[in-house]
Amino acid sequence: MAKRKLNRRQQWRIQKIQQERLDRARKKLRKLSDSLDHLDNTHYHGLVISHFGATLDVEKRDNENNSSGEIIRCALRQNIESIVCGDNVVWQKIKDLPPGEQIQGVVTALEPRKNVLARPDFTGQMKPVAANIDQILIVTSPIPELNESLIDRYLVAAELSDINAVLVLNKIDILTDDQQEQLSQRIEIYHNIGYPIIHTSAKARNGLDSLYQQLNNKSSVFVGQSGVGKSSLINALLPEARIKEGEVSDATNKGTHTTSVSRLYHLDNTQVQNAIIIDSPGVREFGLWDIDKNEVIHGFRELEEYAQSCRFRDCKHINEPGCNILQALEEGKISRQRYESYHRIMDSFG
């Protein structure tokens, strides 16, 4: 039986109820976390590895930021902004815990972030979804159909967040040699402007060595439309994660969302060391939020290079005389697909 689709009003109501329940749970925790009398005087460092709404799992670390392997379930001090996976925090132990109490500590401070990914919540407010990221792996596949416009939006967001981006073409095992060649030609333009491209198959375990090498000593998030195989790739790299995998609908050719809890995974074996993967339900909706229209050109690295020497400072790169981007387009130095993608994004601002 097909799932019943909820209208926007029903979706808003469900989210509102969930938020009210979360607020009640947080209120109970604040009675505990805001009492300094219940906290040990020692301050510990930690890395947030999981977020359950009202509570966090924090990996205890020493002063050199090395992991102890110990996981502490923590409440959150009321006056701290939203904490997400990848955050480095300071926490304190709770004294005189009753038997069976799962919450053992309280996060009392958030350490400075290198960067943060964010998306709007159901009220339109920006909500962090992951922090301290080294690279974004944009996963795409032939099913659902390759979507260059979506890839470009992810790339713009990554460029403006000063985070490296890598393209991962997954599910290559379902293609014939000719189909794989055609698809490779479509994404070759990204290789030509400097983005690494990795061909993989989670099912056939193809390309995993290259993926391990790319993940080595980095903190990474996987993004991409549902059904491209993000969870399958993480499970192939880290079988013990056992992340639920969605399927692509035959009717809509779209995937289903499977990730429901934010989680940070350590990847450390004979092929890769000190690698971190963050899997978050919010990351899949990471995109062009809360940016200025004038910043978009900075997200197209090859266009920005030519735009800097246009004759007019406010050049729209459409039909102005002396536009270096138009000249580069005519000479084949930039791709028409990327040029048109830039203008589609600009038009979306109204």
C-alpha atoms as a PDB file:
ATOM      1  CA  MET A   1       0.000   0.000   0.000  1.00  0.00           C
ATOM      2  CA  ALA A   2       1.344   3.425  -0.940  1.00  0.00           C
ATOM      3  CA  LYS A   3       2.103   5.812   1.867  1.00  0.00           C
ATOM      4  CA  ARG A   4      -0.452   8.581   2.355  1.00  0.00           C
ATOM      5  CA  LYS A   5       1.025  11.972   1.539  1.00  0.00           C
ATOM      6  CA  LEU A   6       0.564  14.664   4.161  1.00  0.00           C
ATOM      7  CA  ASN A   7      -0.355  18.173   3.183  1.00  0.00           C
ATOM      8  CA  ARG A   8       1.690  21.134   4.426  1.00  0.00           C
ATOM      9  CA  ARG A   9      -0.721  21.867   7.281  1.00  0.00           C
ATOM     10  CA  GLN A  10      -0.525  18.270   8.538  1.00  0.00           C
ATOM     11  CA  GLN A  11       3.268  18.270   8.265  1.00  0.00           C
ATOM     12  CA  TRP A  12       3.449  21.536  10.224  1.00  0.00           C
ATOM     13  CA  ARG A  13       1.150  20.105  12.926  1.00  0.00           C
ATOM     14  CA  ILE A  14       3.253  16.958  13.325  1.00  0.00           C
ATOM     15  CA  GLN A  15       6.451  19.004  13.577  1.00  0.00           C
ATOM     16  CA  LYS A  16       4.812  21.303  16.118  1.00  0.00           C
ATOM     17  CA  ILE A  17       3.781  18.365  18.326  1.00  0.00           C
ATOM     18  CA  GLN A  18       7.262  16.865  18.097  1.00  0.00           C
ATOM     19  CA  GLN A  19       8.818  20.207  19.032  1.00  0.00           C
ATOM     20  CA  GLU A  20       6.491  20.565  22.037  1.00  0.00           C
ATOM     21  CA  ARG A  21       7.466  17.103  23.283  1.00  0.00           C
ATOM     22  CA  LEU A  22      11.133  17.949  22.809  1.00  0.00           C
ATOM     23  CA  ASP A  23      10.708  21.220  24.708  1.00  0.00           C
ATOM     24  CA  ARG A  24       9.068  19.386  27.631  1.00  0.00           C
ATOM     25  CA  ALA A  25      11.932  16.880  27.746  1.00  0.00           C
ATOM     26  CA  ARG A  26      14.475  19.694  27.688  1.00  0.00           C
ATOM     27  CA  LYS A  27      12.669  21.484  30.487  1.00  0.00           C
ATOM     28  CA  LYS A  28      13.031  18.431  32.722  1.00  0.00           C
ATOM     29  CA  LEU A  29      16.724  18.155  31.892  1.00  0.00           C
ATOM     30  CA  ARG A  30      17.344  21.837  32.623  1.00  0.00           C
ATOM     31  CA  LYS A  31      16.269  21.380  36.227  1.00  0.00           C
ATOM     32  CA  LEU A  32      19.185  18.997  36.534  1.00  0.00           C
ATOM     33  CA  SER A  33      21.738  20.666  34.251  1.00  0.00           C
ATOM     34  CA  ASP A  34      21.291  24.221  35.549  1.00  0.00           C
ATOM     35  CA  SER A  35      22.084  23.287  39.139  1.00  0.00           C
ATOM     36  CA  LEU A  36      25.814  23.801  39.717  1.00  0.00           C
ATOM     37  CA  ASP A  37      25.504  22.022  43.050  1.00  0.00           C
ATOM     38  CA  HIS A  38      25.073  18.750  41.188  1.00  0.00           C
ATOM     39  CA  LEU A  39      28.181  19.112  39.022  1.00  0.00           C
ATOM     40  CA  ASP A  40      31.752  18.022  39.636  1.00  0.00           C
ATOM     41  CA  ASN A  41      34.291  20.863  39.501  1.00  0.00           C
ATOM     42  CA  THR A  42      36.447  19.133  36.861  1.00  0.00           C
ATOM     43  CA  HIS A  43      35.957  20.249  33.263  1.00  0.00           C
ATOM     44  CA  TYR A  44      36.376  17.683  30.501  1.00  0.00           C
ATOM     45  CA  HIS A  45      36.745  18.004  26.746  1.00  0.00           C
ATOM     46  CA  GLY A  46      34.577  15.998  24.381  1.00  0.00           C
ATOM     47  CA  LEU A  47      33.390  15.443  20.821  1.00  0.00           C
ATOM     48  CA  VAL A  48      29.652  15.229  20.114  1.00  0.00           C
ATOM     49  CA  ILE A  49      29.058  11.951  18.302  1.00  0.00           C
ATOM     50  CA  SER A  50      25.269  11.655  18.481  1.00  0.00           C
ATOM     51  CA  HIS A  51      22.255  13.886  19.021  1.00  0.00           C
ATOM     52  CA  PHE A  52      18.958  12.542  20.356  1.00  0.00           C
ATOM     53  CA  GLY A  53      17.060  15.805  20.629  1.00  0.00           C
ATOM     54  CA  ALA A  54      17.161  16.550  24.346  1.00  0.00           C
ATOM     55  CA  THR A  55      20.380  14.633  25.085  1.00  0.00           C
ATOM     56  CA  LEU A  56      23.806  14.150  23.520  1.00  0.00           C
ATOM     57  CA  ASP A  57      26.389  11.410  23.414  1.00  0.00           C
ATOM     58  CA  VAL A  58      29.831  12.905  24.012  1.00  0.00           C
ATOM     59  CA  GLU A  59      33.116  11.112  23.400  1.00  0.00           C
ATOM     60  CA  LYS A  60      35.531  11.967  26.193  1.00  0.00           C
ATOM     61  CA  ARG A  61      38.859  13.459  25.039  1.00  0.00           C
ATOM     62  CA  ASP A  62      42.084  14.505  26.757  1.00  0.00           C
ATOM     63  CA  ASN A  63      43.802  17.881  26.510  1.00  0.00           C
ATOM     64  CA  GLU A  64      45.566  16.801  23.295  1.00  0.00           C
ATOM     65  CA  ASN A  65      42.149  16.035  21.777  1.00  0.00           C
ATOM     66  CA  ASN A  66      42.779  12.294  21.759  1.00  0.00           C
ATOM     67  CA  SER A  67      39.799  10.017  22.234  1.00  0.00           C
ATOM     68  CA  SER A  68      39.510   7.887  25.352  1.00  0.00           C
ATOM     69  CA  GLY A  69      36.820   5.733  23.747  1.00  0.00           C
ATOM     70  CA  GLU A  70      34.458   6.503  26.643  1.00  0.00           C
ATOM     71  CA  ILE A  71      30.979   7.729  25.678  1.00  0.00           C
ATOM     72  CA  ILE A  72      29.059   9.934  28.112  1.00  0.00           C
ATOM     73  CA  ARG A  73      25.329  10.668  27.821  1.00  0.00           C
ATOM     74  CA  CYS A  74      24.913  14.386  28.566  1.00  0.00           C
ATOM     75  CA  ALA A  75      22.252  16.990  29.085  1.00  0.00           C
ATOM     76  CA  LEU A  76      22.737  20.492  27.692  1.00  0.00           C
ATOM     77  CA  ARG A  77      23.080  23.742  29.627  1.00  0.00           C
ATOM     78  CA  GLN A  78      20.190  26.050  28.752  1.00  0.00           C
ATOM     79  CA  ASN A  79      22.233  29.052  27.619  1.00  0.00           C
ATOM     80  CA  ILE A  80      24.233  27.156  24.967  1.00  0.00           C
ATOM     81  CA  GLU A  81      23.313  27.408  21.290  1.00  0.00           C
ATOM     82  CA  SER A  82      22.327  24.333  19.293  1.00  0.00           C
ATOM     83  CA  ILE A  83      24.914  21.568  19.529  1.00  0.00           C
ATOM     84  CA  VAL A  84      25.462  19.233  16.570  1.00  0.00           C
ATOM     85  CA  CYS A  85      27.614  16.253  15.628  1.00  0.00           C
ATOM     86  CA  GLY A  86      31.209  17.299  15.129  1.00  0.00           C
ATOM     87  CA  ASP A  87      31.097  19.975  17.821  1.00  0.00           C
ATOM     88  CA  ASN A  88      33.879  20.103  20.399  1.00  0.00           C
ATOM     89  CA  VAL A  89      32.459  20.809  23.838  1.00  0.00           C
ATOM     90  CA  VAL A  90      33.336  21.145  27.499  1.00  0.00           C
ATOM     91  CA  TRP A  91      31.319  19.051  29.951  1.00  0.00           C
ATOM     92  CA  GLN A  92      31.143  18.235  33.649  1.00  0.00           C
ATOM     93  CA  LYS A  93      30.134  15.084  35.497  1.00  0.00           C
ATOM     94  CA  ILE A  94      26.972  14.961  37.586  1.00  0.00           C
ATOM     95  CA  LYS A  95      27.616  14.051  41.221  1.00  0.00           C
ATOM     96  CA  ASP A  96      25.599  11.567  43.272  1.00  0.00           C
ATOM     97  CA  LEU A  97      23.789   9.933  40.376  1.00  0.00           C
ATOM     98  CA  PRO A  98      20.815   7.733  41.313  1.00  0.00           C
ATOM     99  CA  PRO A  99      21.050   4.042  40.314  1.00  0.00           C
ATOM    100  CA  GLY A 100      20.211   3.416  36.671  1.00  0.00           C
ATOM    101  CA  GLU A 101      20.474   7.079  35.624  1.00  0.00           C
ATOM    102  CA  GLN A 102      21.668   7.263  32.007  1.00  0.00           C
ATOM    103  CA  ILE A 103      22.534  10.969  31.954  1.00  0.00           C
ATOM    104  CA  GLN A 104      25.982  11.256  33.508  1.00  0.00           C
ATOM    105  CA  GLY A 105      27.150  14.728  32.506  1.00  0.00           C
ATOM    106  CA  VAL A 106      26.192  18.221  31.420  1.00  0.00           C
ATOM    107  CA  VAL A 107      27.639  20.103  28.443  1.00  0.00           C
ATOM    108  CA  THR A 108      28.575  23.493  29.851  1.00  0.00           C
ATOM    109  CA  ALA A 109      30.423  25.164  26.946  1.00  0.00           C
ATOM    110  CA  LEU A 110      30.787  25.024  23.179  1.00  0.00           C
ATOM    111  CA  GLU A 111      34.299  25.398  21.802  1.00  0.00           C
ATOM    112  CA  PRO A 112      34.895  27.593  18.696  1.00  0.00           C
ATOM    113  CA  ARG A 113      33.804  26.032  15.402  1.00  0.00           C
ATOM    114  CA  LYS A 114      35.870  25.901  12.226  1.00  0.00           C
ATOM    115  CA  ASN A 115      32.659  25.921  10.175  1.00  0.00           C
ATOM    116  CA  VAL A 116      29.055  24.797  10.391  1.00  0.00           C
ATOM    117  CA  LEU A 117      26.441  23.462   7.973  1.00  0.00           C
ATOM    118  CA  ALA A 118      22.919  24.746   8.532  1.00  0.00           C
ATOM    119  CA  ARG A 119      19.422  24.524   7.110  1.00  0.00           C
ATOM    120  CA  PRO A 120      16.101  26.203   7.982  1.00  0.00           C
ATOM    121  CA  ASP A 121      13.766  24.440  10.429  1.00  0.00           C
ATOM    122  CA  PHE A 122       9.971  24.376  10.065  1.00  0.00           C
ATOM    123  CA  THR A 123       9.783  27.947  11.429  1.00  0.00           C
ATOM    124  CA  GLY A 124      12.286  29.239   8.878  1.00  0.00           C
ATOM    125  CA  GLN A 125      15.071  29.727  11.433  1.00  0.00           C
ATOM    126  CA  MET A 126      18.544  28.513  10.518  1.00  0.00           C
ATOM    127  CA  LYS A 127      19.445  25.303  12.347  1.00  0.00           C
ATOM    128  CA  PRO A 128      22.989  23.827  12.478  1.00  0.00           C
ATOM    129  CA  VAL A 129      23.221  20.201  11.318  1.00  0.00           C
ATOM    130  CA  ALA A 130      26.970  19.430  11.424  1.00  0.00           C
ATOM    131  CA  ALA A 131      30.145  21.241  12.483  1.00  0.00           C
ATOM    132  CA  ASN A 132      33.912  21.275  11.893  1.00  0.00           C
ATOM    133  CA  ILE A 133      33.787  19.678   8.443  1.00  0.00           C
ATOM    134  CA  ASP A 134      36.822  19.212   6.178  1.00  0.00           C
ATOM    135  CA  GLN A 135      34.967  18.072   3.078  1.00  0.00           C
ATOM    136  CA  ILE A 136      31.549  17.424   1.580  1.00  0.00           C
ATOM    137  CA  LEU A 137      31.118  14.308  -0.545  1.00  0.00           C
ATOM    138  CA  ILE A 138      28.351  14.957  -3.075  1.00  0.00           C
ATOM    139  CA  VAL A 139      26.937  11.548  -3.927  1.00  0.00           C
ATOM    140  CA  THR A 140      25.072  11.122  -7.207  1.00  0.00           C
ATOM    141  CA  SER A 141      24.047   8.161  -9.309  1.00  0.00           C
ATOM    142  CA  PRO A 142      22.267   7.203 -12.551  1.00  0.00           C
ATOM    143  CA  ILE A 143      19.188   6.261 -10.487  1.00  0.00           C
ATOM    144  CA  PRO A 144      17.718   8.691  -9.480  1.00  0.00           C
ATOM    145  CA  GLU A 145      18.808  10.456 -12.677  1.00  0.00           C
ATOM    146  CA  LEU A 146      21.961  12.556 -12.509  1.00  0.00           C
ATOM    147  CA  ASN A 147      20.988  16.115 -11.601  1.00  0.00           C
ATOM    148  CA  GLU A 148      23.685  18.652 -12.493  1.00  0.00           C
ATOM    149  CA  SER A 149      21.619  21.587 -11.209  1.00  0.00           C
ATOM    150  CA  LEU A 150      21.471  20.022  -7.740  1.00  0.00           C
ATOM    151  CA  ILE A 151      25.193  19.234  -7.862  1.00  0.00           C
ATOM    152  CA  ASP A 152      25.910  22.878  -8.689  1.00  0.00           C
ATOM    153  CA  ARG A 153      23.817  24.109  -5.761  1.00  0.00           C
ATOM    154  CA  TYR A 154      25.736  21.836  -3.390  1.00  0.00           C
ATOM    155  CA  LEU A 155      29.017  23.073  -4.864  1.00  0.00           C
ATOM    156  CA  VAL A 156      28.047  26.718  -4.404  1.00  0.00           C
ATOM    157  CA  ALA A 157      27.083  26.064  -0.793  1.00  0.00           C
ATOM    158  CA  ALA A 158      30.381  24.232  -0.183  1.00  0.00           C
ATOM    159  CA  GLU A 159      32.447  27.008  -1.794  1.00  0.00           C
ATOM    160  CA  LEU A 160      30.706  29.714   0.231  1.00  0.00           C
ATOM    161  CA  SER A 161      31.215  27.679   3.418  1.00  0.00           C
ATOM    162  CA  ASP A 162      34.934  27.271   2.563  1.00  0.00           C
ATOM    163  CA  ILE A 163      34.602  23.483   2.638  1.00  0.00           C
ATOM    164  CA  ASN A 164      36.238  21.221   0.045  1.00  0.00           C
ATOM    165  CA  ALA A 165      33.864  19.283  -2.204  1.00  0.00           C
ATOM    166  CA  VAL A 166      34.271  15.864  -3.829  1.00  0.00           C
ATOM    167  CA  LEU A 167      31.907  14.224  -6.334  1.00  0.00           C
ATOM    168  CA  VAL A 168      31.063  10.541  -5.879  1.00  0.00           C
ATOM    169  CA  LEU A 169      29.359   8.780  -8.788  1.00  0.00           C
ATOM    170  CA  ASN A 170      27.750   5.729  -7.184  1.00  0.00           C
ATOM    171  CA  LYS A 171      25.962   2.635  -8.566  1.00  0.00           C
ATOM    172  CA  ILE A 172      28.308   2.351 -11.543  1.00  0.00           C
ATOM    173  CA  ASP A 173      27.749  -1.425 -11.500  1.00  0.00           C
ATOM    174  CA  ILE A 174      24.256  -1.042 -13.009  1.00  0.00           C
ATOM    175  CA  LEU A 175      25.600   0.644 -16.156  1.00  0.00           C
ATOM    176  CA  THR A 176      26.855  -0.792 -19.408  1.00  0.00           C
ATOM    177  CA  ASP A 177      30.260   0.407 -20.600  1.00  0.00           C
ATOM    178  CA  ASP A 178      28.605   2.817 -23.060  1.00  0.00           C
ATOM    179  CA  GLN A 179      26.262   4.223 -20.386  1.00  0.00           C
ATOM    180  CA  GLN A 180      29.135   4.671 -17.976  1.00  0.00           C
ATOM    181  CA  GLU A 181      31.113   6.515 -20.651  1.00  0.00           C
ATOM    182  CA  GLN A 182      28.178   8.866 -21.355  1.00  0.00           C
ATOM    183  CA  LEU A 183      27.691   9.583 -17.663  1.00  0.00           C
ATOM    184  CA  SER A 184      31.405  10.155 -17.151  1.00  0.00           C
ATOM    185  CA  GLN A 185      31.379  12.732 -19.949  1.00  0.00           C
ATOM    186  CA  ARG A 186      28.528  14.604 -18.253  1.00  0.00           C
ATOM    187  CA  ILE A 187      30.445  15.051 -15.022  1.00  0.00           C
ATOM    188  CA  GLU A 188      33.835  15.561 -16.658  1.00  0.00           C
ATOM    189  CA  ILE A 189      33.237  19.323 -16.550  1.00  0.00           C
ATOM    190  CA  TYR A 190      33.611  19.149 -12.752  1.00  0.00           C
ATOM    191  CA  HIS A 191      36.948  17.379 -13.055  1.00  0.00           C
ATOM    192  CA  ASN A 192      38.073  20.069 -15.489  1.00  0.00           C
ATOM    193  CA  ILE A 193      37.480  22.807 -12.921  1.00  0.00           C
ATOM    194  CA  GLY A 194      39.310  20.976 -10.164  1.00  0.00           C
ATOM    195  CA  TYR A 195      36.788  18.845  -8.284  1.00  0.00           C
ATOM    196  CA  PRO A 196      37.880  15.262  -7.502  1.00  0.00           C
ATOM    197  CA  ILE A 197      35.522  12.578  -8.871  1.00  0.00           C
ATOM    198  CA  ILE A 198      35.331   9.064  -7.448  1.00  0.00           C
ATOM    199  CA  HIS A 199      33.417   6.237  -9.178  1.00  0.00           C
ATOM    200  CA  THR A 200      31.924   3.732  -6.738  1.00  0.00           C
ATOM    201  CA  SER A 201      29.504   0.900  -6.270  1.00  0.00           C
ATOM    202  CA  ALA A 202      28.489   0.174  -2.702  1.00  0.00           C
ATOM    203  CA  LYS A 203      26.871  -3.098  -3.778  1.00  0.00           C
ATOM    204  CA  ALA A 204      29.827  -4.393  -5.799  1.00  0.00           C
ATOM    205  CA  ARG A 205      32.347  -2.631  -3.507  1.00  0.00           C
ATOM    206  CA  ASN A 206      33.998  -0.911  -6.459  1.00  0.00           C
ATOM    207  CA  GLY A 207      35.994   2.261  -5.863  1.00  0.00           C
ATOM    208  CA  LEU A 208      36.124   1.885  -2.082  1.00  0.00           C
ATOM    209  CA  ASP A 209      39.924   2.088  -2.026  1.00  0.00           C
ATOM    210  CA  SER A 210      39.786   5.516  -3.675  1.00  0.00           C
ATOM    211  CA  LEU A 211      37.057   6.567  -1.267  1.00  0.00           C
ATOM    212  CA  TYR A 212      39.100   5.421   1.742  1.00  0.00           C
ATOM    213  CA  GLN A 213      42.034   7.472   0.473  1.00  0.00           C
ATOM    214  CA  GLN A 214      39.834  10.559   0.129  1.00  0.00           C
ATOM    215  CA  LEU A 215      38.460  10.142   3.666  1.00  0.00           C
ATOM    216  CA  ASN A 216      41.847   9.649   5.316  1.00  0.00           C
ATOM    217  CA  ASN A 217      42.518  12.114   8.177  1.00  0.00           C
ATOM    218  CA  LYS A 218      39.416  14.173   7.357  1.00  0.00           C
ATOM    219  CA  SER A 219      35.980  14.890   8.788  1.00  0.00           C
ATOM    220  CA  SER A 220      33.398  14.344   6.053  1.00  0.00           C
ATOM    221  CA  VAL A 221      29.682  14.504   5.385  1.00  0.00           C
ATOM    222  CA  PHE A 222      27.811  12.765   2.591  1.00  0.00           C
ATOM    223  CA  VAL A 223      25.141  14.805   0.789  1.00  0.00           C
ATOM    224  CA  GLY A 224      22.911  14.117  -2.205  1.00  0.00           C
ATOM    225  CA  GLN A 225      19.318  13.445  -3.113  1.00  0.00           C
ATOM    226  CA  SER A 226      17.592  10.448  -1.549  1.00  0.00           C
ATOM    227  CA  GLY A 227      18.214   7.116  -3.218  1.00  0.00           C
ATOM    228  CA  VAL A 228      21.725   7.773  -4.540  1.00  0.00           C
ATOM    229  CA  GLY A 229      23.221   5.379  -1.992  1.00  0.00           C
ATOM    230  CA  LYS A 230      24.721   7.531   0.774  1.00  0.00           C
ATOM    231  CA  SER A 231      23.775   5.088   3.540  1.00  0.00           C
ATOM    232  CA  SER A 232      24.835   2.114   1.403  1.00  0.00           C
ATOM    233  CA  LEU A 233      28.274   3.650   0.917  1.00  0.00           C
ATOM    234  CA  ILE A 234      28.707   4.293   4.643  1.00  0.00           C
ATOM    235  CA  ASN A 235      27.645   0.710   5.388  1.00  0.00           C
ATOM    236  CA  ALA A 236      30.167  -0.568   2.829  1.00  0.00           C
ATOM    237  CA  LEU A 237      32.919   1.496   4.453  1.00  0.00           C
ATOM    238  CA  LEU A 238      31.788   0.814   8.001  1.00  0.00           C
ATOM    239  CA  PRO A 239      29.633  -2.343   8.205  1.00  0.00           C
ATOM    240  CA  GLU A 240      29.205  -2.068  11.974  1.00  0.00           C
ATOM    241  CA  ALA A 241      27.242   1.167  11.483  1.00  0.00           C
ATOM    242  CA  ARG A 242      24.259  -0.820  10.124  1.00  0.00           C
ATOM    243  CA  ILE A 243      22.587   2.326   8.764  1.00  0.00           C
ATOM    244  CA  LYS A 244      19.101   1.713   7.387  1.00  0.00           C
ATOM    245  CA  GLU A 245      19.055   1.936   3.590  1.00  0.00           C
ATOM    246  CA  GLY A 246      16.194   3.304   1.510  1.00  0.00           C
ATOM    247  CA  GLU A 247      14.961   2.198  -1.894  1.00  0.00           C
ATOM    248  CA  VAL A 248      14.186   4.139  -5.049  1.00  0.00           C
ATOM    249  CA  SER A 249      10.472   4.229  -5.914  1.00  0.00           C
ATOM    250  CA  ASP A 250       9.583   2.796  -9.331  1.00  0.00           C
ATOM    251  CA  ALA A 251       6.729   5.297  -9.588  1.00  0.00           C
ATOM    252  CA  THR A 252       8.617   8.497  -8.757  1.00  0.00           C
ATOM    253  CA  ASN A 253      12.244   7.418  -9.448  1.00  0.00           C
ATOM    254  CA  LYS A 254      13.092   9.085  -6.132  1.00  0.00           C
ATOM    255  CA  GLY A 255      14.594   7.666  -2.964  1.00  0.00           C
ATOM    256  CA  THR A 256      13.228   7.588   0.571  1.00  0.00           C
ATOM    257  CA  HIS A 257      14.825   9.264   3.566  1.00  0.00           C
ATOM    258  CA  THR A 258      16.253   6.758   6.052  1.00  0.00           C
ATOM    259  CA  THR A 259      18.485   8.674   8.473  1.00  0.00           C
ATOM    260  CA  SER A 260      16.549   9.817  11.555  1.00  0.00           C
ATOM    261  CA  VAL A 261      19.258  10.475  14.169  1.00  0.00           C
ATOM    262  CA  SER A 262      22.456  12.472  13.693  1.00  0.00           C
ATOM    263  CA  ARG A 263      25.508  10.294  14.224  1.00  0.00           C
ATOM    264  CA  LEU A 264      29.288  10.632  13.948  1.00  0.00           C
ATOM    265  CA  TYR A 265      31.302   7.557  12.991  1.00  0.00           C
ATOM    266  CA  HIS A 266      35.019   6.920  13.354  1.00  0.00           C
ATOM    267  CA  LEU A 267      36.677   5.138  10.468  1.00  0.00           C
ATOM    268  CA  ASP A 268      40.015   3.657  11.466  1.00  0.00           C
ATOM    269  CA  ASN A 269      41.410   0.460   9.938  1.00  0.00           C
ATOM    270  CA  THR A 270      44.274  -0.775   7.776  1.00  0.00           C
ATOM    271  CA  GLN A 271      43.098   1.356   4.839  1.00  0.00           C
ATOM    272  CA  VAL A 272      42.207   4.633   6.534  1.00  0.00           C
ATOM    273  CA  GLN A 273      43.157   6.371   9.760  1.00  0.00           C
ATOM    274  CA  ASN A 274      41.613   9.144  11.801  1.00  0.00           C
ATOM    275  CA  ALA A 275      38.640   9.569   9.485  1.00  0.00           C
ATOM    276  CA  ILE A 276      35.257  10.870  10.629  1.00  0.00           C
ATOM    277  CA  ILE A 277      31.924  10.493   8.825  1.00  0.00           C
ATOM    278  CA  ILE A 278      28.859  12.454   9.948  1.00  0.00           C
ATOM    279  CA  ASP A 279      25.457  11.125   8.895  1.00  0.00           C
ATOM    280  CA  SER A 280      22.636  13.542   9.646  1.00  0.00           C
ATOM    281  CA  PRO A 281      18.991  13.846   8.546  1.00  0.00           C
ATOM    282  CA  GLY A 282      19.527  17.590   8.137  1.00  0.00           C
ATOM    283  CA  VAL A 283      22.549  17.291   5.857  1.00  0.00           C
ATOM    284  CA  ARG A 284      20.455  15.976   2.959  1.00  0.00           C
ATOM    285  CA  GLU A 285      18.620  19.322   2.938  1.00  0.00           C
ATOM    286  CA  PHE A 286      21.807  21.359   3.171  1.00  0.00           C
ATOM    287  CA  GLY A 287      21.816  23.898   0.372  1.00  0.00           C
ATOM    288  CA  LEU A 288      21.651  27.523  -0.614  1.00  0.00           C
ATOM    289  CA  TRP A 289      20.076  29.005   2.475  1.00  0.00           C
ATOM    290  CA  ASP A 290      20.649  32.392   3.995  1.00  0.00           C
ATOM    291  CA  ILE A 291      23.086  33.665   1.384  1.00  0.00           C
ATOM    292  CA  ASP A 292      23.143  36.932  -0.531  1.00  0.00           C
ATOM    293  CA  LYS A 293      22.428  36.892  -4.269  1.00  0.00           C
ATOM    294  CA  ASN A 294      25.673  38.715  -4.926  1.00  0.00           C
ATOM    295  CA  GLU A 295      27.637  35.854  -3.340  1.00  0.00           C
ATOM    296  CA  VAL A 296      26.508  33.224  -5.854  1.00  0.00           C
ATOM    297  CA  ILE A 297      29.232  34.038  -8.390  1.00  0.00           C
ATOM    298  CA  HIS A 298      31.847  33.188  -5.738  1.00  0.00           C
ATOM    299  CA  GLY A 299      30.411  29.656  -5.650  1.00  0.00           C
ATOM    300  CA  PHE A 300      31.242  29.090  -9.330  1.00  0.00           C
ATOM    301  CA  ARG A 301      35.024  29.014  -9.164  1.00  0.00           C
ATOM    302  CA  GLU A 302      35.649  29.124 -12.912  1.00  0.00           C
ATOM    303  CA  LEU A 303      33.111  31.918 -13.508  1.00  0.00           C
ATOM    304  CA  GLU A 304      34.432  34.001 -10.627  1.00  0.00           C
ATOM    305  CA  GLU A 305      37.893  34.003 -12.189  1.00  0.00           C
ATOM    306  CA  TYR A 306      36.602  35.706 -15.337  1.00  0.00           C
ATOM    307  CA  ALA A 307      34.039  37.908 -13.572  1.00  0.00           C
ATOM    308  CA  GLN A 308      36.785  39.739 -11.694  1.00  0.00           C
ATOM    309  CA  SER A 309      37.924  41.469 -14.880  1.00  0.00           C
ATOM    310  CA  CYS A 310      34.559  42.306 -16.440  1.00  0.00           C
ATOM    311  CA  ARG A 311      34.294  45.895 -17.689  1.00  0.00           C
ATOM    312  CA  PHE A 312      31.427  46.779 -15.335  1.00  0.00           C
ATOM    313  CA  ARG A 313      31.400  46.075 -11.589  1.00  0.00           C
ATOM    314  CA  ASP A 314      27.673  45.272 -11.656  1.00  0.00           C
ATOM    315  CA  CYS A 315      27.897  43.087 -14.770  1.00  0.00           C
ATOM    316  CA  LYS A 316      25.024  40.589 -14.950  1.00  0.00           C
ATOM    317  CA  HIS A 317      26.924  38.383 -17.435  1.00  0.00           C
ATOM    318  CA  ILE A 318      23.998  38.263 -19.845  1.00  0.00           C
ATOM    319  CA  ASN A 319      24.648  40.611 -22.793  1.00  0.00           C
ATOM    320  CA  GLU A 320      26.907  43.368 -21.444  1.00  0.00           C
ATOM    321  CA  PRO A 321      29.787  44.556 -23.658  1.00  0.00           C
ATOM    322  CA  GLY A 322      33.181  43.644 -22.290  1.00  0.00           C
ATOM    323  CA  CYS A 323      31.853  40.709 -20.209  1.00  0.00           C
ATOM    324  CA  ASN A 324      34.737  38.288 -19.761  1.00  0.00           C
ATOM    325  CA  ILE A 325      32.399  35.425 -18.825  1.00  0.00           C
ATOM    326  CA  LEU A 326      30.528  35.741 -22.146  1.00  0.00           C
ATOM    327  CA  GLN A 327      33.808  35.836 -24.013  1.00  0.00           C
ATOM    328  CA  ALA A 328      35.089  32.744 -22.148  1.00  0.00           C
ATOM    329  CA  LEU A 329      31.799  30.998 -22.920  1.00  0.00           C
ATOM    330  CA  GLU A 330      32.142  31.787 -26.624  1.00  0.00           C
ATOM    331  CA  GLU A 331      35.724  30.520 -26.633  1.00  0.00           C
ATOM    332  CA  GLY A 332      34.736  27.280 -24.869  1.00  0.00           C
ATOM    333  CA  LYS A 333      36.756  28.046 -21.750  1.00  0.00           C
ATOM    334  CA  ILE A 334      33.717  27.568 -19.507  1.00  0.00           C
ATOM    335  CA  SER A 335      30.853  25.127 -20.026  1.00  0.00           C
ATOM    336  CA  ARG A 336      27.427  26.312 -21.133  1.00  0.00           C
ATOM    337  CA  GLN A 337      25.817  23.947 -18.620  1.00  0.00           C
ATOM    338  CA  ARG A 338      27.588  25.657 -15.710  1.00  0.00           C
ATOM    339  CA  TYR A 339      26.875  29.123 -17.152  1.00  0.00           C
ATOM    340  CA  GLU A 340      23.156  28.347 -17.444  1.00  0.00           C
ATOM    341  CA  SER A 341      23.125  26.745 -14.004  1.00  0.00           C
ATOM    342  CA  TYR A 342      24.541  29.963 -12.543  1.00  0.00           C
ATOM    343  CA  HIS A 343      21.723  32.001 -14.085  1.00  0.00           C
ATOM    344  CA  ARG A 344      19.055  29.512 -12.909  1.00  0.00           C
ATOM    345  CA  ILE A 345      20.284  29.972  -9.347  1.00  0.00           C
ATOM    346  CA  MET A 346      20.354  33.757  -9.771  1.00  0.00           C
ATOM    347  CA  ASP A 347      16.801  33.727 -11.164  1.00  0.00           C
ATOM    348  CA  SER A 348      15.603  31.708  -8.159  1.00  0.00           C
ATOM    349  CA  PHE A 349      16.279  34.727  -5.938  1.00  0.00           C
ATOM    350  CA  GLY A 350      13.588  36.680  -7.816  1.00  0.00           C
END
